[in-house]
């Protein structure tokens, strides 16, 4: 258990950051699931709309350090390629 005031404050800050990061990660996963469902249904228009919605979420997650930027770029590239192939 932390004894110093500094260590106790770090515990509080870490807890708040963990909650924020968990919420952000959940929001990203929800958007990704919507894209995957639209792709699975074969609806190109819905997939493109979901893709446009997920792009800023993924870029924001990379900017905030939730996901690595290369992971974001790779997943966006794969989604885009899959959506293009639907038509």
Foldseek 3Di string as FASTA:
>chain_A
DDDDPVVVVVVVVVVVVVVVLVVLVVVLVVLVVQLVVCLVVLPLVSNVVSLVVNLVSLVVCCVVVSDPPVVSVVVNVVSVVSSVVSD
